[in-house]
Amino acid sequence: MAVKAGARAQVILSIRTNDTYEPLVGSQVELQQFDPAFGDFGTIQTLRSGAGGQVQGQLTLPAQPGTYRYRALFPGTPELRRDTSPEVRIDIVA
């Protein structure tokens, strides 16, 4: 996916349990971007799931052209394990 530098993107995802596929309402979800300087993902925004386990947010994309990697992290609870989404790659163009 290629988008203009500095554009805004809407993030929409749904968070559910692995075993019963029940929505997780009120759960924290971290939106993360890969930082090549550290070789790992870092949290850029913390969101909370609403009705039906839906998570929504707005993301301002980087101003510098390049390929950026994003994912969502569910940090876990005492009852549920930590998990991450598949990565999404976005190509930023001038």
PDB file of N, CA and C in Angstrom:
ATOM      1  N   MET A   1       0.844  -1.157   0.000  1.00  0.00           N
ATOM      2  CA  MET A   1       0.000   0.000   0.000  1.00  0.00           C
ATOM      3  C   MET A   1       0.898   1.231   0.000  1.00  0.00           C
ATOM      4  N   ALA A   2       0.706   2.156  -0.930  1.00  0.00           N
ATOM      5  CA  ALA A   2       1.496   3.388  -1.003  1.00  0.00           C
ATOM      6  C   ALA A   2       0.598   4.584  -0.700  1.00  0.00           C
ATOM      7  N   VAL A   3       1.067   5.461   0.185  1.00  0.00           N
ATOM      8  CA  VAL A   3       0.315   6.666   0.560  1.00  0.00           C
ATOM      9  C   VAL A   3       1.269   7.850   0.632  1.00  0.00           C
ATOM     10  N   LYS A   4       0.710   9.048   0.595  1.00  0.00           N
ATOM     11  CA  LYS A   4       1.496  10.280   0.651  1.00  0.00           C
ATOM     12  C   LYS A   4       2.046  10.513   2.054  1.00  0.00           C
ATOM     13  N   ALA A   5       3.243  11.080   2.106  1.00  0.00           N
ATOM     14  CA  ALA A   5       3.879  11.410   3.377  1.00  0.00           C
ATOM     15  C   ALA A   5       2.987  12.346   4.190  1.00  0.00           C
ATOM     16  N   GLY A   6       2.889  12.095   5.485  1.00  0.00           N
ATOM     17  CA  GLY A   6       2.115  12.935   6.389  1.00  0.00           C
ATOM     18  C   GLY A   6       0.616  12.705   6.348  1.00  0.00           C
ATOM     19  N   ALA A   7       0.157  11.761   5.526  1.00  0.00           N
ATOM     20  CA  ALA A   7      -1.289  11.479   5.445  1.00  0.00           C
ATOM     21  C   ALA A   7      -1.774  10.888   6.769  1.00  0.00           C
ATOM     22  N   ARG A   8      -3.080  10.904   6.958  1.00  0.00           N
ATOM     23  CA  ARG A   8      -3.683  10.283   8.144  1.00  0.00           C
ATOM     24  C   ARG A   8      -4.344   8.981   7.715  1.00  0.00           C
ATOM     25  N   ALA A   9      -4.240   8.005   8.574  1.00  0.00           N
ATOM     26  CA  ALA A   9      -4.852   6.699   8.311  1.00  0.00           C
ATOM     27  C   ALA A   9      -5.777   6.359   9.470  1.00  0.00           C
ATOM     28  N   GLN A  10      -6.894   5.746   9.152  1.00  0.00           N
ATOM     29  CA  GLN A  10      -7.796   5.272  10.192  1.00  0.00           C
ATOM     30  C   GLN A  10      -7.483   3.810  10.471  1.00  0.00           C
ATOM     31  N   VAL A  11      -7.347   3.496  11.736  1.00  0.00           N
ATOM     32  CA  VAL A  11      -7.049   2.128  12.169  1.00  0.00           C
ATOM     33  C   VAL A  11      -8.322   1.544  12.774  1.00  0.00           C
ATOM     34  N   ILE A  12      -8.764   0.409  12.256  1.00  0.00           N
ATOM     35  CA  ILE A  12      -9.935  -0.288  12.798  1.00  0.00           C
ATOM     36  C   ILE A  12      -9.577  -1.768  12.901  1.00  0.00           C
ATOM     37  N   LEU A  13      -9.751  -2.331  14.089  1.00  0.00           N
ATOM     38  CA  LEU A  13      -9.528  -3.757  14.270  1.00  0.00           C
ATOM     39  C   LEU A  13     -10.474  -4.278  15.333  1.00  0.00           C
ATOM     40  N   SER A  14     -10.548  -5.570  15.446  1.00  0.00           N
ATOM     41  CA  SER A  14     -11.420  -6.211  16.421  1.00  0.00           C
ATOM     42  C   SER A  14     -10.585  -7.170  17.247  1.00  0.00           C
ATOM     43  N   ILE A  15     -10.815  -7.180  18.555  1.00  0.00           N
ATOM     44  CA  ILE A  15     -10.051  -8.056  19.431  1.00  0.00           C
ATOM     45  C   ILE A  15     -10.996  -9.069  20.076  1.00  0.00           C
ATOM     46  N   ARG A  16     -10.627 -10.355  19.934  1.00  0.00           N
ATOM     47  CA  ARG A  16     -11.471 -11.455  20.419  1.00  0.00           C
ATOM     48  C   ARG A  16     -10.605 -12.534  21.055  1.00  0.00           C
ATOM     49  N   THR A  17     -11.227 -13.368  21.877  1.00  0.00           N
ATOM     50  CA  THR A  17     -10.492 -14.473  22.490  1.00  0.00           C
ATOM     51  C   THR A  17     -10.200 -15.537  21.443  1.00  0.00           C
ATOM     52  N   ASN A  18      -9.133 -16.286  21.650  1.00  0.00           N
ATOM     53  CA  ASN A  18      -8.755 -17.349  20.719  1.00  0.00           C
ATOM     54  C   ASN A  18      -9.658 -18.565  20.812  1.00  0.00           C
ATOM     55  N   ASP A  19     -10.136 -18.874  22.015  1.00  0.00           N
ATOM     56  CA  ASP A  19     -10.872 -20.124  22.186  1.00  0.00           C
ATOM     57  C   ASP A  19     -12.363 -20.008  21.870  1.00  0.00           C
ATOM     58  N   THR A  20     -13.017 -18.963  22.362  1.00  0.00           N
ATOM     59  CA  THR A  20     -14.471 -18.844  22.146  1.00  0.00           C
ATOM     60  C   THR A  20     -14.838 -17.758  21.140  1.00  0.00           C
ATOM     61  N   TYR A  21     -13.859 -16.989  20.695  1.00  0.00           N
ATOM     62  CA  TYR A  21     -14.049 -15.901  19.738  1.00  0.00           C
ATOM     63  C   TYR A  21     -14.978 -14.806  20.284  1.00  0.00           C
ATOM     64  N   GLU A  22     -15.052 -14.704  21.619  1.00  0.00           N
ATOM     65  CA  GLU A  22     -15.845 -13.661  22.256  1.00  0.00           C
ATOM     66  C   GLU A  22     -15.106 -12.329  22.160  1.00  0.00           C
ATOM     67  N   PRO A  23     -15.821 -11.218  21.918  1.00  0.00           N
ATOM     68  CA  PRO A  23     -15.157  -9.911  21.870  1.00  0.00           C
ATOM     69  C   PRO A  23     -14.641  -9.505  23.249  1.00  0.00           C
ATOM     70  N   LEU A  24     -13.508  -8.841  23.271  1.00  0.00           N
ATOM     71  CA  LEU A  24     -12.936  -8.318  24.514  1.00  0.00           C
ATOM     72  C   LEU A  24     -13.254  -6.829  24.587  1.00  0.00           C
ATOM     73  N   VAL A  25     -14.173  -6.462  25.442  1.00  0.00           N
ATOM     74  CA  VAL A  25     -14.616  -5.071  25.591  1.00  0.00           C
ATOM     75  C   VAL A  25     -13.807  -4.405  26.702  1.00  0.00           C
ATOM     76  N   GLY A  26     -13.316  -3.189  26.435  1.00  0.00           N
ATOM     77  CA  GLY A  26     -12.560  -2.436  27.432  1.00  0.00           C
ATOM     78  C   GLY A  26     -11.113  -2.864  27.573  1.00  0.00           C
ATOM     79  N   SER A  27     -10.607  -3.609  26.604  1.00  0.00           N
ATOM     80  CA  SER A  27      -9.219  -4.085  26.669  1.00  0.00           C
ATOM     81  C   SER A  27      -8.258  -3.087  26.035  1.00  0.00           C
ATOM     82  N   GLN A  28      -7.086  -2.993  26.606  1.00  0.00           N
ATOM     83  CA  GLN A  28      -6.044  -2.121  26.062  1.00  0.00           C
ATOM     84  C   GLN A  28      -5.393  -2.781  24.852  1.00  0.00           C
ATOM     85  N   VAL A  29      -5.164  -1.985  23.814  1.00  0.00           N
ATOM     86  CA  VAL A  29      -4.462  -2.435  22.613  1.00  0.00           C
ATOM     87  C   VAL A  29      -3.438  -1.359  22.270  1.00  0.00           C
ATOM     88  N   GLU A  30      -2.213  -1.779  22.000  1.00  0.00           N
ATOM     89  CA  GLU A  30      -1.155  -0.837  21.637  1.00  0.00           C
ATOM     90  C   GLU A  30      -0.892  -0.905  20.145  1.00  0.00           C
ATOM     91  N   LEU A  31      -0.920   0.237  19.483  1.00  0.00           N
ATOM     92  CA  LEU A  31      -0.538   0.331  18.078  1.00  0.00           C
ATOM     93  C   LEU A  31       0.966   0.578  18.069  1.00  0.00           C
ATOM     94  N   GLN A  32       1.703  -0.261  17.327  1.00  0.00           N
ATOM     95  CA  GLN A  32       3.150  -0.183  17.345  1.00  0.00           C
ATOM     96  C   GLN A  32       3.725   0.015  15.943  1.00  0.00           C
ATOM     97  N   GLN A  33       4.876   0.715  15.896  1.00  0.00           N
ATOM     98  CA  GLN A  33       5.610   0.922  14.655  1.00  0.00           C
ATOM     99  C   GLN A  33       7.013   0.349  14.857  1.00  0.00           C
ATOM    100  N   PHE A  34       7.534  -0.318  13.821  1.00  0.00           N
ATOM    101  CA  PHE A  34       8.877  -0.886  13.904  1.00  0.00           C
ATOM    102  C   PHE A  34       9.905   0.230  13.843  1.00  0.00           C
ATOM    103  N   ASP A  35      10.865   0.193  14.745  1.00  0.00           N
ATOM    104  CA  ASP A  35      11.946   1.171  14.777  1.00  0.00           C
ATOM    105  C   ASP A  35      13.251   0.462  14.401  1.00  0.00           C
ATOM    106  N   PRO A  36      13.752   0.690  13.178  1.00  0.00           N
ATOM    107  CA  PRO A  36      14.961  -0.024  12.744  1.00  0.00           C
ATOM    108  C   PRO A  36      16.193   0.321  13.581  1.00  0.00           C
ATOM    109  N   ALA A  37      16.221   1.481  14.208  1.00  0.00           N
ATOM    110  CA  ALA A  37      17.370   1.856  15.037  1.00  0.00           C
ATOM    111  C   ALA A  37      17.508   0.932  16.248  1.00  0.00           C
ATOM    112  N   PHE A  38      16.376   0.433  16.753  1.00  0.00           N
ATOM    113  CA  PHE A  38      16.389  -0.461  17.913  1.00  0.00           C
ATOM    114  C   PHE A  38      16.120  -1.913  17.526  1.00  0.00           C
ATOM    115  N   GLY A  39      15.673  -2.138  16.282  1.00  0.00           N
ATOM    116  CA  GLY A  39      15.394  -3.497  15.829  1.00  0.00           C
ATOM    117  C   GLY A  39      14.170  -4.114  16.469  1.00  0.00           C
ATOM    118  N   ASP A  40      13.226  -3.270  16.902  1.00  0.00           N
ATOM    119  CA  ASP A  40      12.029  -3.781  17.572  1.00  0.00           C
ATOM    120  C   ASP A  40      10.876  -2.801  17.374  1.00  0.00           C
ATOM    121  N   PHE A  41       9.699  -3.257  17.731  1.00  0.00           N
ATOM    122  CA  PHE A  41       8.515  -2.411  17.667  1.00  0.00           C
ATOM    123  C   PHE A  41       8.404  -1.563  18.925  1.00  0.00           C
ATOM    124  N   GLY A  42       7.888  -0.344  18.749  1.00  0.00           N
ATOM    125  CA  GLY A  42       7.634   0.549  19.881  1.00  0.00           C
ATOM    126  C   GLY A  42       6.208   1.050  19.809  1.00  0.00           C
ATOM    127  N   THR A  43       5.608   1.257  20.955  1.00  0.00           N
ATOM    128  CA  THR A  43       4.220   1.715  21.022  1.00  0.00           C
ATOM    129  C   THR A  43       4.133   3.189  20.640  1.00  0.00           C
ATOM    130  N   ILE A  44       3.242   3.500  19.697  1.00  0.00           N
ATOM    131  CA  ILE A  44       3.036   4.880  19.269  1.00  0.00           C
ATOM    132  C   ILE A  44       1.667   5.402  19.689  1.00  0.00           C
ATOM    133  N   GLN A  45       0.787   4.487  20.086  1.00  0.00           N
ATOM    134  CA  GLN A  45      -0.553   4.896  20.505  1.00  0.00           C
ATOM    135  C   GLN A  45      -1.182   3.754  21.314  1.00  0.00           C
ATOM    136  N   THR A  46      -1.880   4.112  22.382  1.00  0.00           N
ATOM    137  CA  THR A  46      -2.598   3.123  23.180  1.00  0.00           C
ATOM    138  C   THR A  46      -4.088   3.385  23.022  1.00  0.00           C
ATOM    139  N   LEU A  47      -4.817   2.344  22.652  1.00  0.00           N
ATOM    140  CA  LEU A  47      -6.254   2.442  22.407  1.00  0.00           C
ATOM    141  C   LEU A  47      -6.983   1.461  23.323  1.00  0.00           C
ATOM    142  N   ARG A  48      -8.301   1.598  23.426  1.00  0.00           N
ATOM    143  CA  ARG A  48      -9.106   0.691  24.229  1.00  0.00           C
ATOM    144  C   ARG A  48     -10.262   0.190  23.385  1.00  0.00           C
ATOM    145  N   SER A  49     -10.562  -1.102  23.514  1.00  0.00           N
ATOM    146  CA  SER A  49     -11.643  -1.692  22.720  1.00  0.00           C
ATOM    147  C   SER A  49     -13.002  -1.287  23.279  1.00  0.00           C
ATOM    148  N   GLY A  50     -13.959  -1.111  22.364  1.00  0.00           N
ATOM    149  CA  GLY A  50     -15.321  -0.744  22.735  1.00  0.00           C
ATOM    150  C   GLY A  50     -16.274  -1.901  22.495  1.00  0.00           C
ATOM    151  N   ALA A  51     -17.501  -1.561  22.192  1.00  0.00           N
ATOM    152  CA  ALA A  51     -18.540  -2.566  21.954  1.00  0.00           C
ATOM    153  C   ALA A  51     -18.107  -3.529  20.863  1.00  0.00           C
ATOM    154  N   GLY A  52     -18.363  -4.794  21.075  1.00  0.00           N
ATOM    155  CA  GLY A  52     -18.016  -5.814  20.096  1.00  0.00           C
ATOM    156  C   GLY A  52     -16.523  -6.052  19.953  1.00  0.00           C
ATOM    157  N   GLY A  53     -15.722  -5.493  20.881  1.00  0.00           N
ATOM    158  CA  GLY A  53     -14.273  -5.659  20.815  1.00  0.00           C
ATOM    159  C   GLY A  53     -13.603  -4.797  19.767  1.00  0.00           C
ATOM    160  N   GLN A  54     -14.335  -3.819  19.214  1.00  0.00           N
ATOM    161  CA  GLN A  54     -13.784  -2.989  18.143  1.00  0.00           C
ATOM    162  C   GLN A  54     -12.855  -1.916  18.700  1.00  0.00           C
ATOM    163  N   VAL A  55     -11.741  -1.722  18.012  1.00  0.00           N
ATOM    164  CA  VAL A  55     -10.742  -0.718  18.368  1.00  0.00           C
ATOM    165  C   VAL A  55     -10.609   0.224  17.176  1.00  0.00           C
ATOM    166  N   GLN A  56     -10.677   1.542  17.440  1.00  0.00           N
ATOM    167  CA  GLN A  56     -10.544   2.526  16.372  1.00  0.00           C
ATOM    168  C   GLN A  56      -9.595   3.631  16.804  1.00  0.00           C
ATOM    169  N   GLY A  57      -8.845   4.153  15.836  1.00  0.00           N
ATOM    170  CA  GLY A  57      -7.951   5.263  16.106  1.00  0.00           C
ATOM    171  C   GLY A  57      -7.492   5.913  14.819  1.00  0.00           C
ATOM    172  N   GLN A  58      -6.859   7.074  14.948  1.00  0.00           N
ATOM    173  CA  GLN A  58      -6.305   7.801  13.819  1.00  0.00           C
ATOM    174  C   GLN A  58      -4.790   7.808  13.953  1.00  0.00           C
ATOM    175  N   LEU A  59      -4.111   7.651  12.837  1.00  0.00           N
ATOM    176  CA  LEU A  59      -2.658   7.603  12.814  1.00  0.00           C
ATOM    177  C   LEU A  59      -2.150   8.585  11.770  1.00  0.00           C
ATOM    178  N   THR A  60      -1.262   9.491  12.177  1.00  0.00           N
ATOM    179  CA  THR A  60      -0.589  10.363  11.213  1.00  0.00           C
ATOM    180  C   THR A  60       0.667   9.634  10.754  1.00  0.00           C
ATOM    181  N   LEU A  61       0.757   9.402   9.460  1.00  0.00           N
ATOM    182  CA  LEU A  61       1.882   8.644   8.912  1.00  0.00           C
ATOM    183  C   LEU A  61       3.136   9.511   8.849  1.00  0.00           C
ATOM    184  N   PRO A  62       4.310   8.892   8.829  1.00  0.00           N
ATOM    185  CA  PRO A  62       5.573   9.643   8.812  1.00  0.00           C
ATOM    186  C   PRO A  62       5.688  10.581   7.612  1.00  0.00           C
ATOM    187  N   ALA A  63       6.475  11.643   7.804  1.00  0.00           N
ATOM    188  CA  ALA A  63       6.697  12.624   6.742  1.00  0.00           C
ATOM    189  C   ALA A  63       7.815  12.202   5.792  1.00  0.00           C
ATOM    190  N   GLN A  64       8.642  11.256   6.208  1.00  0.00           N
ATOM    191  CA  GLN A  64       9.758  10.806   5.384  1.00  0.00           C
ATOM    192  C   GLN A  64       9.351   9.607   4.531  1.00  0.00           C
ATOM    193  N   PRO A  65       9.647   9.630   3.215  1.00  0.00           N
ATOM    194  CA  PRO A  65       9.365   8.459   2.373  1.00  0.00           C
ATOM    195  C   PRO A  65      10.103   7.220   2.876  1.00  0.00           C
ATOM    196  N   GLY A  66       9.512   6.078   2.670  1.00  0.00           N
ATOM    197  CA  GLY A  66      10.115   4.811   3.078  1.00  0.00           C
ATOM    198  C   GLY A  66       9.031   3.779   3.337  1.00  0.00           C
ATOM    199  N   THR A  67       9.437   2.598   3.723  1.00  0.00           N
ATOM    200  CA  THR A  67       8.508   1.528   4.070  1.00  0.00           C
ATOM    201  C   THR A  67       8.454   1.414   5.578  1.00  0.00           C
ATOM    202  N   TYR A  68       7.260   1.483   6.125  1.00  0.00           N
ATOM    203  CA  TYR A  68       7.056   1.440   7.565  1.00  0.00           C
ATOM    204  C   TYR A  68       6.220   0.221   7.924  1.00  0.00           C
ATOM    205  N   ARG A  69       6.542  -0.383   9.073  1.00  0.00           N
ATOM    206  CA  ARG A  69       5.859  -1.591   9.525  1.00  0.00           C
ATOM    207  C   ARG A  69       5.072  -1.288  10.805  1.00  0.00           C
ATOM    208  N   TYR A  70       3.833  -1.763  10.837  1.00  0.00           N
ATOM    209  CA  TYR A  70       2.944  -1.545  11.981  1.00  0.00           C
ATOM    210  C   TYR A  70       2.338  -2.871  12.426  1.00  0.00           C
ATOM    211  N   ARG A  71       1.935  -2.914  13.688  1.00  0.00           N
ATOM    212  CA  ARG A  71       1.188  -4.048  14.217  1.00  0.00           C
ATOM    213  C   ARG A  71       0.419  -3.585  15.445  1.00  0.00           C
ATOM    214  N   ALA A  72      -0.501  -4.416  15.891  1.00  0.00           N
ATOM    215  CA  ALA A  72      -1.228  -4.168  17.133  1.00  0.00           C
ATOM    216  C   ALA A  72      -0.752  -5.184  18.167  1.00  0.00           C
ATOM    217  N   LEU A  73      -0.630  -4.741  19.408  1.00  0.00           N
ATOM    218  CA  LEU A  73      -0.225  -5.607  20.505  1.00  0.00           C
ATOM    219  C   LEU A  73      -1.315  -5.618  21.563  1.00  0.00           C
ATOM    220  N   PHE A  74      -1.761  -6.802  21.932  1.00  0.00           N
ATOM    221  CA  PHE A  74      -2.635  -6.983  23.082  1.00  0.00           C
ATOM    222  C   PHE A  74      -1.711  -7.410  24.209  1.00  0.00           C
ATOM    223  N   PRO A  75      -1.492  -6.536  25.222  1.00  0.00           N
ATOM    224  CA  PRO A  75      -0.489  -6.851  26.236  1.00  0.00           C
ATOM    225  C   PRO A  75      -0.861  -7.991  27.182  1.00  0.00           C
ATOM    226  N   GLY A  76      -2.101  -8.458  27.112  1.00  0.00           N
ATOM    227  CA  GLY A  76      -2.516  -9.578  27.955  1.00  0.00           C
ATOM    228  C   GLY A  76      -3.173  -9.131  29.247  1.00  0.00           C
ATOM    229  N   THR A  77      -3.765 -10.087  29.915  1.00  0.00           N
ATOM    230  CA  THR A  77      -4.408  -9.887  31.215  1.00  0.00           C
ATOM    231  C   THR A  77      -4.018 -11.091  32.070  1.00  0.00           C
ATOM    232  N   PRO A  78      -4.399 -11.095  33.343  1.00  0.00           N
ATOM    233  CA  PRO A  78      -4.109 -12.298  34.136  1.00  0.00           C
ATOM    234  C   PRO A  78      -4.745 -13.564  33.540  1.00  0.00           C
ATOM    235  N   GLU A  79      -5.853 -13.413  32.813  1.00  0.00           N
ATOM    236  CA  GLU A  79      -6.547 -14.566  32.247  1.00  0.00           C
ATOM    237  C   GLU A  79      -6.127 -14.891  30.814  1.00  0.00           C
ATOM    238  N   LEU A  80      -5.644 -13.898  30.065  1.00  0.00           N
ATOM    239  CA  LEU A  80      -5.366 -14.069  28.636  1.00  0.00           C
ATOM    240  C   LEU A  80      -3.915 -13.708  28.328  1.00  0.00           C
ATOM    241  N   ARG A  81      -3.299 -14.482  27.442  1.00  0.00           N
ATOM    242  CA  ARG A  81      -1.889 -14.254  27.120  1.00  0.00           C
ATOM    243  C   ARG A  81      -1.701 -13.066  26.173  1.00  0.00           C
ATOM    244  N   ARG A  82      -0.517 -12.530  26.192  1.00  0.00           N
ATOM    245  CA  ARG A  82      -0.112 -11.450  25.286  1.00  0.00           C
ATOM    246  C   ARG A  82      -0.119 -11.985  23.861  1.00  0.00           C
ATOM    247  N   ASP A  83      -0.484 -11.111  22.880  1.00  0.00           N
ATOM    248  CA  ASP A  83      -0.514 -11.543  21.484  1.00  0.00           C
ATOM    249  C   ASP A  83      -0.351 -10.328  20.581  1.00  0.00           C
ATOM    250  N   THR A  84       0.130 -10.560  19.355  1.00  0.00           N
ATOM    251  CA  THR A  84       0.269  -9.483  18.379  1.00  0.00           C
ATOM    252  C   THR A  84      -0.465  -9.846  17.091  1.00  0.00           C
ATOM    253  N   SER A  85      -0.829  -8.814  16.358  1.00  0.00           N
ATOM    254  CA  SER A  85      -1.454  -9.011  15.047  1.00  0.00           C
ATOM    255  C   SER A  85      -0.373  -9.251  14.010  1.00  0.00           C
ATOM    256  N   PRO A  86      -0.768  -9.691  12.815  1.00  0.00           N
ATOM    257  CA  PRO A  86       0.202  -9.707  11.711  1.00  0.00           C
ATOM    258  C   PRO A  86       0.645  -8.261  11.400  1.00  0.00           C
ATOM    259  N   GLU A  87       1.822  -8.127  10.831  1.00  0.00           N
ATOM    260  CA  GLU A  87       2.326  -6.802  10.452  1.00  0.00           C
ATOM    261  C   GLU A  87       1.599  -6.269   9.223  1.00  0.00           C
ATOM    262  N   VAL A  88       1.508  -4.938   9.172  1.00  0.00           N
ATOM    263  CA  VAL A  88       1.020  -4.234   7.981  1.00  0.00           C
ATOM    264  C   VAL A  88       2.171  -3.337   7.538  1.00  0.00           C
ATOM    265  N   ARG A  89       2.517  -3.406   6.254  1.00  0.00           N
ATOM    266  CA  ARG A  89       3.575  -2.560   5.707  1.00  0.00           C
ATOM    267  C   ARG A  89       2.946  -1.453   4.865  1.00  0.00           C
ATOM    268  N   ILE A  90       3.413  -0.236   5.084  1.00  0.00           N
ATOM    269  CA  ILE A  90       2.918   0.913   4.339  1.00  0.00           C
ATOM    270  C   ILE A  90       4.102   1.625   3.702  1.00  0.00           C
ATOM    271  N   ASP A  91       4.020   1.824   2.388  1.00  0.00           N
ATOM    272  CA  ASP A  91       5.054   2.577   1.660  1.00  0.00           C
ATOM    273  C   ASP A  91       4.643   4.029   1.614  1.00  0.00           C
ATOM    274  N   ILE A  92       5.501   4.898   2.167  1.00  0.00           N
ATOM    275  CA  ILE A  92       5.250   6.344   2.166  1.00  0.00           C
ATOM    276  C   ILE A  92       6.001   6.943   0.985  1.00  0.00           C
ATOM    277  N   VAL A  93       5.273   7.725   0.175  1.00  0.00           N
ATOM    278  CA  VAL A  93       5.871   8.381  -0.990  1.00  0.00           C
ATOM    279  C   VAL A  93       5.791   9.896  -0.831  1.00  0.00           C
ATOM    280  N   ALA A  94       6.708  10.602  -1.475  1.00  0.00           N
ATOM    281  CA  ALA A  94       6.752  12.068  -1.376  1.00  0.00           C
ATOM    282  C   ALA A  94       5.568  12.706  -2.070  1.00  0.00           C
TER     283      ALA A  94
END
